[in-house]
Amino acid sequence: DLRNESEKYLGDLAKASVFWRRTIFLAVARQ
């Protein structure tokens, strides 16, 4: 449970990241 909670927190941080959003959009668009 502790590990899952920590992984969810890190995942939420990545989703809010401008860098990761741009990286994901670029990868999808390039594809």
Full PDB file with SEQRES, HELIX, SHEET, SSBOND, CRYST1, ORIGX, SCALE, CONECT and MASTER records, all heavy atoms in Angstrom:
SEQRES   1 A   31  ASP LEU ARG ASN GLU SER GLU LYS TYR LEU GLY ASP LEU          
SEQRES   2 A   31  ALA LYS ALA SER VAL PHE TRP ARG ARG THR ILE PHE LEU          
SEQRES   3 A   31  ALA VAL ALA ARG GLN                                          
HELIX    1 AA1 LEU A    2  ALA A   16  1                                  15    
HELIX    2 AA2 VAL A   18  ARG A   30  1                                  13    
CRYST1    1.000    1.000    1.000  90.00  90.00  90.00 P 1           1          
ORIGX1      1.000000  0.000000  0.000000        0.00000                         
ORIGX2      0.000000  1.000000  0.000000        0.00000                         
ORIGX3      0.000000  0.000000  1.000000        0.00000                         
SCALE1      1.000000  0.000000  0.000000        0.00000                         
SCALE2      0.000000  1.000000  0.000000        0.00000                         
SCALE3      0.000000  0.000000  1.000000        0.00000                         
ATOM      1  N   ASP A   1       0.830  -1.210   0.000  1.00  0.00           N  
ATOM      2  CA  ASP A   1       0.000   0.000   0.000  1.00  0.00           C  
ATOM      3  C   ASP A   1       0.862   1.256   0.000  1.00  0.00           C  
ATOM      4  O   ASP A   1       0.583   2.210  -0.737  1.00  0.00           O  
ATOM      5  CB  ASP A   1      -0.941   0.017   1.211  1.00  0.00           C  
ATOM      6  CG  ASP A   1      -2.048  -1.017   1.112  1.00  0.00           C  
ATOM      7  OD1 ASP A   1      -2.261  -1.566   0.007  1.00  0.00           O  
ATOM      8  OD2 ASP A   1      -2.691  -1.279   2.149  1.00  0.00           O  
ATOM      9  N   LEU A   2       1.912   1.251   0.815  1.00  0.00           N  
ATOM     10  CA  LEU A   2       2.815   2.396   0.883  1.00  0.00           C  
ATOM     11  C   LEU A   2       3.496   2.624  -0.469  1.00  0.00           C  
ATOM     12  O   LEU A   2       3.575   3.747  -0.962  1.00  0.00           O  
ATOM     13  CB  LEU A   2       3.862   2.181   1.978  1.00  0.00           C  
ATOM     14  CG  LEU A   2       4.873   3.309   2.174  1.00  0.00           C  
ATOM     15  CD1 LEU A   2       4.167   4.592   2.571  1.00  0.00           C  
ATOM     16  CD2 LEU A   2       5.884   2.915   3.235  1.00  0.00           C  
ATOM     17  N   ARG A   3       3.943   1.549  -1.069  1.00  0.00           N  
ATOM     18  CA  ARG A   3       4.598   1.661  -2.370  1.00  0.00           C  
ATOM     19  C   ARG A   3       3.621   2.150  -3.445  1.00  0.00           C  
ATOM     20  O   ARG A   3       3.939   3.020  -4.244  1.00  0.00           O  
ATOM     21  CB  ARG A   3       5.207   0.320  -2.777  1.00  0.00           C  
ATOM     22  CG  ARG A   3       5.975   0.401  -4.073  1.00  0.00           C  
ATOM     23  CD  ARG A   3       6.887  -0.801  -4.232  1.00  0.00           C  
ATOM     24  NE  ARG A   3       7.793  -0.579  -5.306  1.00  0.00           N  
ATOM     25  CZ  ARG A   3       8.964   0.042  -5.212  1.00  0.00           C  
ATOM     26  NH1 ARG A   3       9.357   0.509  -4.053  1.00  0.00           N  
ATOM     27  NH2 ARG A   3       9.729   0.197  -6.259  1.00  0.00           N  
ATOM     28  N   ASN A   4       2.399   1.592  -3.456  1.00  0.00           N  
ATOM     29  CA  ASN A   4       1.391   2.026  -4.428  1.00  0.00           C  
ATOM     30  C   ASN A   4       1.055   3.505  -4.253  1.00  0.00           C  
ATOM     31  O   ASN A   4       0.898   4.228  -5.239  1.00  0.00           O  
ATOM     32  CB  ASN A   4       0.127   1.176  -4.316  1.00  0.00           C  
ATOM     33  CG  ASN A   4       0.322  -0.229  -4.817  1.00  0.00           C  
ATOM     34  OD1 ASN A   4       1.237  -0.502  -5.591  1.00  0.00           O  
ATOM     35  ND2 ASN A   4      -0.530  -1.137  -4.363  1.00  0.00           N  
ATOM     36  N   GLU A   5       0.940   3.934  -3.021  1.00  0.00           N  
ATOM     37  CA  GLU A   5       0.643   5.345  -2.737  1.00  0.00           C  
ATOM     38  C   GLU A   5       1.777   6.241  -3.239  1.00  0.00           C  
ATOM     39  O   GLU A   5       1.538   7.273  -3.865  1.00  0.00           O  
ATOM     40  CB  GLU A   5       0.440   5.543  -1.235  1.00  0.00           C  
ATOM     41  CG  GLU A   5       0.060   6.953  -0.854  1.00  0.00           C  
ATOM     42  CD  GLU A   5      -0.151   7.090   0.642  1.00  0.00           C  
ATOM     43  OE1 GLU A   5      -0.801   6.204   1.251  1.00  0.00           O  
ATOM     44  OE2 GLU A   5       0.344   8.085   1.192  1.00  0.00           O  
ATOM     45  N   SER A   6       3.017   5.830  -3.013  1.00  0.00           N  
ATOM     46  CA  SER A   6       4.166   6.603  -3.472  1.00  0.00           C  
ATOM     47  C   SER A   6       4.230   6.638  -4.999  1.00  0.00           C  
ATOM     48  O   SER A   6       4.512   7.682  -5.595  1.00  0.00           O  
ATOM     49  CB  SER A   6       5.466   6.017  -2.921  1.00  0.00           C  
ATOM     50  OG  SER A   6       5.484   6.097  -1.523  1.00  0.00           O  
ATOM     51  N   GLU A   7       3.973   5.514  -5.662  1.00  0.00           N  
ATOM     52  CA  GLU A   7       3.989   5.466  -7.123  1.00  0.00           C  
ATOM     53  C   GLU A   7       2.885   6.341  -7.712  1.00  0.00           C  
ATOM     54  O   GLU A   7       3.097   7.032  -8.705  1.00  0.00           O  
ATOM     55  CB  GLU A   7       3.857   4.024  -7.610  1.00  0.00           C  
ATOM     56  CG  GLU A   7       5.098   3.208  -7.381  1.00  0.00           C  
ATOM     57  CD  GLU A   7       4.948   1.751  -7.779  1.00  0.00           C  
ATOM     58  OE1 GLU A   7       3.840   1.345  -8.217  1.00  0.00           O  
ATOM     59  OE2 GLU A   7       5.930   1.009  -7.648  1.00  0.00           O  
ATOM     60  N   LYS A   8       1.698   6.331  -7.085  1.00  0.00           N  
ATOM     61  CA  LYS A   8       0.604   7.181  -7.565  1.00  0.00           C  
ATOM     62  C   LYS A   8       0.985   8.649  -7.421  1.00  0.00           C  
ATOM     63  O   LYS A   8       0.751   9.453  -8.327  1.00  0.00           O  
ATOM     64  CB  LYS A   8      -0.682   6.892  -6.797  1.00  0.00           C  
ATOM     65  CG  LYS A   8      -1.862   7.719  -7.298  1.00  0.00           C  
ATOM     66  CD  LYS A   8      -3.096   7.494  -6.465  1.00  0.00           C  
ATOM     67  CE  LYS A   8      -4.265   8.342  -6.888  1.00  0.00           C  
ATOM     68  NZ  LYS A   8      -3.993   9.667  -7.371  1.00  0.00           N  
ATOM     69  N   TYR A   9       1.582   9.005  -6.311  1.00  0.00           N  
ATOM     70  CA  TYR A   9       2.009  10.389  -6.088  1.00  0.00           C  
ATOM     71  C   TYR A   9       3.007  10.820  -7.171  1.00  0.00           C  
ATOM     72  O   TYR A   9       2.868  11.887  -7.760  1.00  0.00           O  
ATOM     73  CB  TYR A   9       2.625  10.524  -4.696  1.00  0.00           C  
ATOM     74  CG  TYR A   9       3.244  11.870  -4.437  1.00  0.00           C  
ATOM     75  CD1 TYR A   9       2.445  12.983  -4.228  1.00  0.00           C  
ATOM     76  CD2 TYR A   9       4.624  12.028  -4.417  1.00  0.00           C  
ATOM     77  CE1 TYR A   9       3.012  14.235  -4.001  1.00  0.00           C  
ATOM     78  CE2 TYR A   9       5.195  13.261  -4.198  1.00  0.00           C  
ATOM     79  CZ  TYR A   9       4.386  14.366  -3.987  1.00  0.00           C  
ATOM     80  OH  TYR A   9       4.949  15.589  -3.772  1.00  0.00           O  
ATOM     81  N   LEU A  10       3.995   9.970  -7.439  1.00  0.00           N  
ATOM     82  CA  LEU A  10       4.982  10.299  -8.470  1.00  0.00           C  
ATOM     83  C   LEU A  10       4.336  10.379  -9.852  1.00  0.00           C  
ATOM     84  O   LEU A  10       4.678  11.240 -10.659  1.00  0.00           O  
ATOM     85  CB  LEU A  10       6.107   9.269  -8.472  1.00  0.00           C  
ATOM     86  CG  LEU A  10       7.069   9.367  -7.300  1.00  0.00           C  
ATOM     87  CD1 LEU A  10       8.016   8.175  -7.292  1.00  0.00           C  
ATOM     88  CD2 LEU A  10       7.841  10.659  -7.337  1.00  0.00           C  
ATOM     89  N   GLY A  11       3.387   9.502 -10.140  1.00  0.00           N  
ATOM     90  CA  GLY A  11       2.674   9.542 -11.412  1.00  0.00           C  
ATOM     91  C   GLY A  11       1.881  10.831 -11.564  1.00  0.00           C  
ATOM     92  O   GLY A  11       1.862  11.446 -12.637  1.00  0.00           O  
ATOM     93  N   ASP A  12       1.228  11.264 -10.490  1.00  0.00           N  
ATOM     94  CA  ASP A  12       0.472  12.520 -10.517  1.00  0.00           C  
ATOM     95  C   ASP A  12       1.399  13.708 -10.743  1.00  0.00           C  
ATOM     96  O   ASP A  12       1.054  14.641 -11.468  1.00  0.00           O  
ATOM     97  CB  ASP A  12      -0.320  12.719  -9.225  1.00  0.00           C  
ATOM     98  CG  ASP A  12      -1.480  11.737  -9.088  1.00  0.00           C  
ATOM     99  OD1 ASP A  12      -1.854  11.111 -10.104  1.00  0.00           O  
ATOM    100  OD2 ASP A  12      -2.009  11.600  -7.968  1.00  0.00           O  
ATOM    101  N   LEU A  13       2.580  13.676 -10.137  1.00  0.00           N  
ATOM    102  CA  LEU A  13       3.547  14.751 -10.360  1.00  0.00           C  
ATOM    103  C   LEU A  13       3.974  14.802 -11.819  1.00  0.00           C  
ATOM    104  O   LEU A  13       4.083  15.873 -12.411  1.00  0.00           O  
ATOM    105  CB  LEU A  13       4.791  14.557  -9.477  1.00  0.00           C  
ATOM    106  CG  LEU A  13       4.670  14.919  -8.011  1.00  0.00           C  
ATOM    107  CD1 LEU A  13       5.968  14.594  -7.286  1.00  0.00           C  
ATOM    108  CD2 LEU A  13       4.324  16.384  -7.839  1.00  0.00           C  
ATOM    109  N   ALA A  14       4.200  13.638 -12.413  1.00  0.00           N  
ATOM    110  CA  ALA A  14       4.627  13.588 -13.814  1.00  0.00           C  
ATOM    111  C   ALA A  14       3.535  14.102 -14.744  1.00  0.00           C  
ATOM    112  O   ALA A  14       3.811  14.813 -15.704  1.00  0.00           O  
ATOM    113  CB  ALA A  14       5.022  12.160 -14.192  1.00  0.00           C  
ATOM    114  N   LYS A  15       2.261  13.778 -14.440  1.00  0.00           N  
ATOM    115  CA  LYS A  15       1.156  14.246 -15.278  1.00  0.00           C  
ATOM    116  C   LYS A  15       1.042  15.768 -15.254  1.00  0.00           C  
ATOM    117  O   LYS A  15       0.636  16.373 -16.238  1.00  0.00           O  
ATOM    118  CB  LYS A  15      -0.158  13.628 -14.813  1.00  0.00           C  
ATOM    119  CG  LYS A  15      -0.302  12.172 -15.148  1.00  0.00           C  
ATOM    120  CD  LYS A  15      -1.598  11.635 -14.599  1.00  0.00           C  
ATOM    121  CE  LYS A  15      -1.635  10.126 -14.684  1.00  0.00           C  
ATOM    122  NZ  LYS A  15      -2.754   9.573 -13.943  1.00  0.00           N  
ATOM    123  N   ALA A  16       1.384  16.380 -14.140  1.00  0.00           N  
ATOM    124  CA  ALA A  16       1.290  17.835 -14.008  1.00  0.00           C  
ATOM    125  C   ALA A  16       2.513  18.541 -14.586  1.00  0.00           C  
ATOM    126  O   ALA A  16       2.520  19.753 -14.728  1.00  0.00           O  
ATOM    127  CB  ALA A  16       1.124  18.208 -12.536  1.00  0.00           C  
ATOM    128  N   SER A  17       3.524  17.802 -14.944  1.00  0.00           N  
ATOM    129  CA  SER A  17       4.763  18.369 -15.454  1.00  0.00           C  
ATOM    130  C   SER A  17       4.611  18.842 -16.886  1.00  0.00           C  
ATOM    131  O   SER A  17       4.181  18.082 -17.763  1.00  0.00           O  
ATOM    132  CB  SER A  17       5.879  17.314 -15.373  1.00  0.00           C  
ATOM    133  OG  SER A  17       6.966  17.672 -16.174  1.00  0.00           O  
ATOM    134  N   VAL A  18       4.949  20.093 -17.153  1.00  0.00           N  
ATOM    135  CA  VAL A  18       4.923  20.628 -18.508  1.00  0.00           C  
ATOM    136  C   VAL A  18       5.877  19.833 -19.386  1.00  0.00           C  
ATOM    137  O   VAL A  18       5.567  19.517 -20.538  1.00  0.00           O  
ATOM    138  CB  VAL A  18       5.287  22.126 -18.513  1.00  0.00           C  
ATOM    139  CG1 VAL A  18       5.456  22.645 -19.919  1.00  0.00           C  
ATOM    140  CG2 VAL A  18       4.251  22.919 -17.754  1.00  0.00           C  
ATOM    141  N   PHE A  19       7.025  19.489 -18.864  1.00  0.00           N  
ATOM    142  CA  PHE A  19       8.013  18.710 -19.619  1.00  0.00           C  
ATOM    143  C   PHE A  19       7.426  17.378 -20.074  1.00  0.00           C  
ATOM    144  O   PHE A  19       7.526  17.013 -21.244  1.00  0.00           O  
ATOM    145  CB  PHE A  19       9.267  18.477 -18.775  1.00  0.00           C  
ATOM    146  CG  PHE A  19      10.212  17.485 -19.388  1.00  0.00           C  
ATOM    147  CD1 PHE A  19      11.058  17.866 -20.425  1.00  0.00           C  
ATOM    148  CD2 PHE A  19      10.256  16.177 -18.954  1.00  0.00           C  
ATOM    149  CE1 PHE A  19      11.920  16.956 -21.010  1.00  0.00           C  
ATOM    150  CE2 PHE A  19      11.110  15.257 -19.524  1.00  0.00           C  
ATOM    151  CZ  PHE A  19      11.949  15.653 -20.558  1.00  0.00           C  
ATOM    152  N   TRP A  20       6.804  16.627 -19.157  1.00  0.00           N  
ATOM    153  CA  TRP A  20       6.282  15.317 -19.519  1.00  0.00           C  
ATOM    154  C   TRP A  20       5.081  15.426 -20.436  1.00  0.00           C  
ATOM    155  O   TRP A  20       4.906  14.614 -21.345  1.00  0.00           O  
ATOM    156  CB  TRP A  20       5.957  14.484 -18.277  1.00  0.00           C  
ATOM    157  CG  TRP A  20       7.199  13.928 -17.679  1.00  0.00           C  
ATOM    158  CD1 TRP A  20       7.738  14.239 -16.468  1.00  0.00           C  
ATOM    159  CD2 TRP A  20       8.111  13.004 -18.296  1.00  0.00           C  
ATOM    160  NE1 TRP A  20       8.922  13.563 -16.301  1.00  0.00           N  
ATOM    161  CE2 TRP A  20       9.169  12.789 -17.397  1.00  0.00           C  
ATOM    162  CE3 TRP A  20       8.130  12.346 -19.509  1.00  0.00           C  
ATOM    163  CZ2 TRP A  20      10.231  11.944 -17.687  1.00  0.00           C  
ATOM    164  CZ3 TRP A  20       9.189  11.496 -19.792  1.00  0.00           C  
ATOM    165  CH2 TRP A  20      10.212  11.303 -18.888  1.00  0.00           C  
ATOM    166  N   ARG A  21       4.226  16.434 -20.229  1.00  0.00           N  
ATOM    167  CA  ARG A  21       3.088  16.628 -21.133  1.00  0.00           C  
ATOM    168  C   ARG A  21       3.593  16.872 -22.543  1.00  0.00           C  
ATOM    169  O   ARG A  21       3.103  16.297 -23.500  1.00  0.00           O  
ATOM    170  CB  ARG A  21       2.229  17.804 -20.670  1.00  0.00           C  
ATOM    171  CG  ARG A  21       1.292  17.447 -19.550  1.00  0.00           C  
ATOM    172  CD  ARG A  21       0.382  18.560 -19.165  1.00  0.00           C  
ATOM    173  NE  ARG A  21      -0.235  19.191 -20.322  1.00  0.00           N  
ATOM    174  CZ  ARG A  21      -0.692  20.434 -20.320  1.00  0.00           C  
ATOM    175  NH1 ARG A  21      -0.601  21.169 -19.234  1.00  0.00           N  
ATOM    176  NH2 ARG A  21      -1.250  20.950 -21.392  1.00  0.00           N  
ATOM    177  N   ARG A  22       4.584  17.761 -22.690  1.00  0.00           N  
ATOM    178  CA  ARG A  22       5.132  18.052 -24.019  1.00  0.00           C  
ATOM    179  C   ARG A  22       5.786  16.803 -24.617  1.00  0.00           C  
ATOM    180  O   ARG A  22       5.610  16.508 -25.796  1.00  0.00           O  
ATOM    181  CB  ARG A  22       6.145  19.188 -23.933  1.00  0.00           C  
ATOM    182  CG  ARG A  22       6.797  19.474 -25.279  1.00  0.00           C  
ATOM    183  CD  ARG A  22       7.628  20.741 -25.253  1.00  0.00           C  
ATOM    184  NE  ARG A  22       8.447  20.906 -26.422  1.00  0.00           N  
ATOM    185  CZ  ARG A  22       8.012  21.274 -27.629  1.00  0.00           C  
ATOM    186  NH1 ARG A  22       6.741  21.521 -27.802  1.00  0.00           N  
ATOM    187  NH2 ARG A  22       8.841  21.399 -28.642  1.00  0.00           N  
ATOM    188  N   THR A  23       6.519  16.076 -23.799  1.00  0.00           N  
ATOM    189  CA  THR A  23       7.188  14.866 -24.267  1.00  0.00           C  
ATOM    190  C   THR A  23       6.173  13.849 -24.791  1.00  0.00           C  
ATOM    191  O   THR A  23       6.364  13.257 -25.858  1.00  0.00           O  
ATOM    192  CB  THR A  23       8.041  14.253 -23.140  1.00  0.00           C  
ATOM    193  OG1 THR A  23       9.002  15.220 -22.718  1.00  0.00           O  
ATOM    194  CG2 THR A  23       8.741  12.990 -23.586  1.00  0.00           C  
ATOM    195  N   ILE A  24       5.094  13.664 -24.069  1.00  0.00           N  
ATOM    196  CA  ILE A  24       4.064  12.711 -24.485  1.00  0.00           C  
ATOM    197  C   ILE A  24       3.369  13.187 -25.758  1.00  0.00           C  
ATOM    198  O   ILE A  24       3.188  12.425 -26.704  1.00  0.00           O  
ATOM    199  CB  ILE A  24       3.053  12.478 -23.340  1.00  0.00           C  
ATOM    200  CG1 ILE A  24       3.747  11.710 -22.204  1.00  0.00           C  
ATOM    201  CG2 ILE A  24       1.818  11.730 -23.834  1.00  0.00           C  
ATOM    202  CD1 ILE A  24       2.987  11.704 -20.901  1.00  0.00           C  
ATOM    203  N   PHE A  25       2.978  14.476 -25.795  1.00  0.00           N  
ATOM    204  CA  PHE A  25       2.328  15.016 -26.995  1.00  0.00           C  
ATOM    205  C   PHE A  25       3.243  14.895 -28.213  1.00  0.00           C  
ATOM    206  O   PHE A  25       2.801  14.534 -29.299  1.00  0.00           O  
ATOM    207  CB  PHE A  25       1.929  16.479 -26.803  1.00  0.00           C  
ATOM    208  CG  PHE A  25       0.627  16.661 -26.068  1.00  0.00           C  
ATOM    209  CD1 PHE A  25       0.571  17.459 -24.946  1.00  0.00           C  
ATOM    210  CD2 PHE A  25      -0.533  16.053 -26.510  1.00  0.00           C  
ATOM    211  CE1 PHE A  25      -0.624  17.643 -24.272  1.00  0.00           C  
ATOM    212  CE2 PHE A  25      -1.738  16.230 -25.842  1.00  0.00           C  
ATOM    213  CZ  PHE A  25      -1.780  17.030 -24.717  1.00  0.00           C  
ATOM    214  N   LEU A  26       4.512  15.212 -28.036  1.00  0.00           N  
ATOM    215  CA  LEU A  26       5.454  15.109 -29.160  1.00  0.00           C  
ATOM    216  C   LEU A  26       5.574  13.675 -29.654  1.00  0.00           C  
ATOM    217  O   LEU A  26       5.603  13.435 -30.859  1.00  0.00           O  
ATOM    218  CB  LEU A  26       6.829  15.640 -28.762  1.00  0.00           C  
ATOM    219  CG  LEU A  26       7.003  17.144 -28.761  1.00  0.00           C  
ATOM    220  CD1 LEU A  26       8.359  17.531 -28.159  1.00  0.00           C  
ATOM    221  CD2 LEU A  26       6.871  17.705 -30.160  1.00  0.00           C  
ATOM    222  N   ALA A  27       5.654  12.736 -28.735  1.00  0.00           N  
ATOM    223  CA  ALA A  27       5.789  11.325 -29.127  1.00  0.00           C  
ATOM    224  C   ALA A  27       4.556  10.853 -29.900  1.00  0.00           C  
ATOM    225  O   ALA A  27       4.686  10.192 -30.934  1.00  0.00           O  
ATOM    226  CB  ALA A  27       6.009  10.457 -27.893  1.00  0.00           C  
ATOM    227  N   VAL A  28       3.375  11.214 -29.424  1.00  0.00           N  
ATOM    228  CA  VAL A  28       2.140  10.809 -30.095  1.00  0.00           C  
ATOM    229  C   VAL A  28       2.038  11.479 -31.467  1.00  0.00           C  
ATOM    230  O   VAL A  28       1.710  10.828 -32.464  1.00  0.00           O  
ATOM    231  CB  VAL A  28       0.909  11.140 -29.218  1.00  0.00           C  
ATOM    232  CG1 VAL A  28      -0.390  10.980 -29.989  1.00  0.00           C  
ATOM    233  CG2 VAL A  28       0.898  10.276 -27.973  1.00  0.00           C  
ATOM    234  N   ALA A  29       2.349  12.774 -31.528  1.00  0.00           N  
ATOM    235  CA  ALA A  29       2.271  13.505 -32.795  1.00  0.00           C  
ATOM    236  C   ALA A  29       3.310  12.993 -33.794  1.00  0.00           C  
ATOM    237  O   ALA A  29       3.012  12.842 -34.984  1.00  0.00           O  
ATOM    238  CB  ALA A  29       2.452  14.999 -32.548  1.00  0.00           C  
ATOM    239  N   ARG A  30       4.517  12.737 -33.333  1.00  0.00           N  
ATOM    240  CA  ARG A  30       5.559  12.213 -34.225  1.00  0.00           C  
ATOM    241  C   ARG A  30       5.134  10.852 -34.785  1.00  0.00           C  
ATOM    242  O   ARG A  30       5.327  10.576 -35.970  1.00  0.00           O  
ATOM    243  CB  ARG A  30       6.881  12.113 -33.468  1.00  0.00           C  
ATOM    244  CG  ARG A  30       8.069  11.838 -34.368  1.00  0.00           C  
ATOM    245  CD  ARG A  30       9.393  11.905 -33.626  1.00  0.00           C  
ATOM    246  NE  ARG A  30       9.778  13.290 -33.448  1.00  0.00           N  
ATOM    247  CZ  ARG A  30       9.936  13.894 -32.268  1.00  0.00           C  
ATOM    248  NH1 ARG A  30       9.751  13.234 -31.157  1.00  0.00           N  
ATOM    249  NH2 ARG A  30      10.290  15.153 -32.206  1.00  0.00           N  
ATOM    250  N   GLN A  31       4.537  10.030 -33.951  1.00  0.00           N  
ATOM    251  CA  GLN A  31       4.046   8.722 -34.409  1.00  0.00           C  
ATOM    252  C   GLN A  31       2.989   8.909 -35.494  1.00  0.00           C  
ATOM    253  O   GLN A  31       2.989   8.197 -36.499  1.00  0.00           O  
ATOM    254  CB  GLN A  31       3.474   7.928 -33.228  1.00  0.00           C  
ATOM    255  CG  GLN A  31       2.914   6.577 -33.609  1.00  0.00           C  
ATOM    256  CD  GLN A  31       3.952   5.634 -34.165  1.00  0.00           C  
ATOM    257  OE1 GLN A  31       5.095   5.651 -33.753  1.00  0.00           O  
ATOM    258  NE2 GLN A  31       3.561   4.813 -35.117  1.00  0.00           N  
TER     259      GLN A  31                                                      
MASTER        0    0    0    2    0    0    0    6  258    1    0    3          
END                                                                             
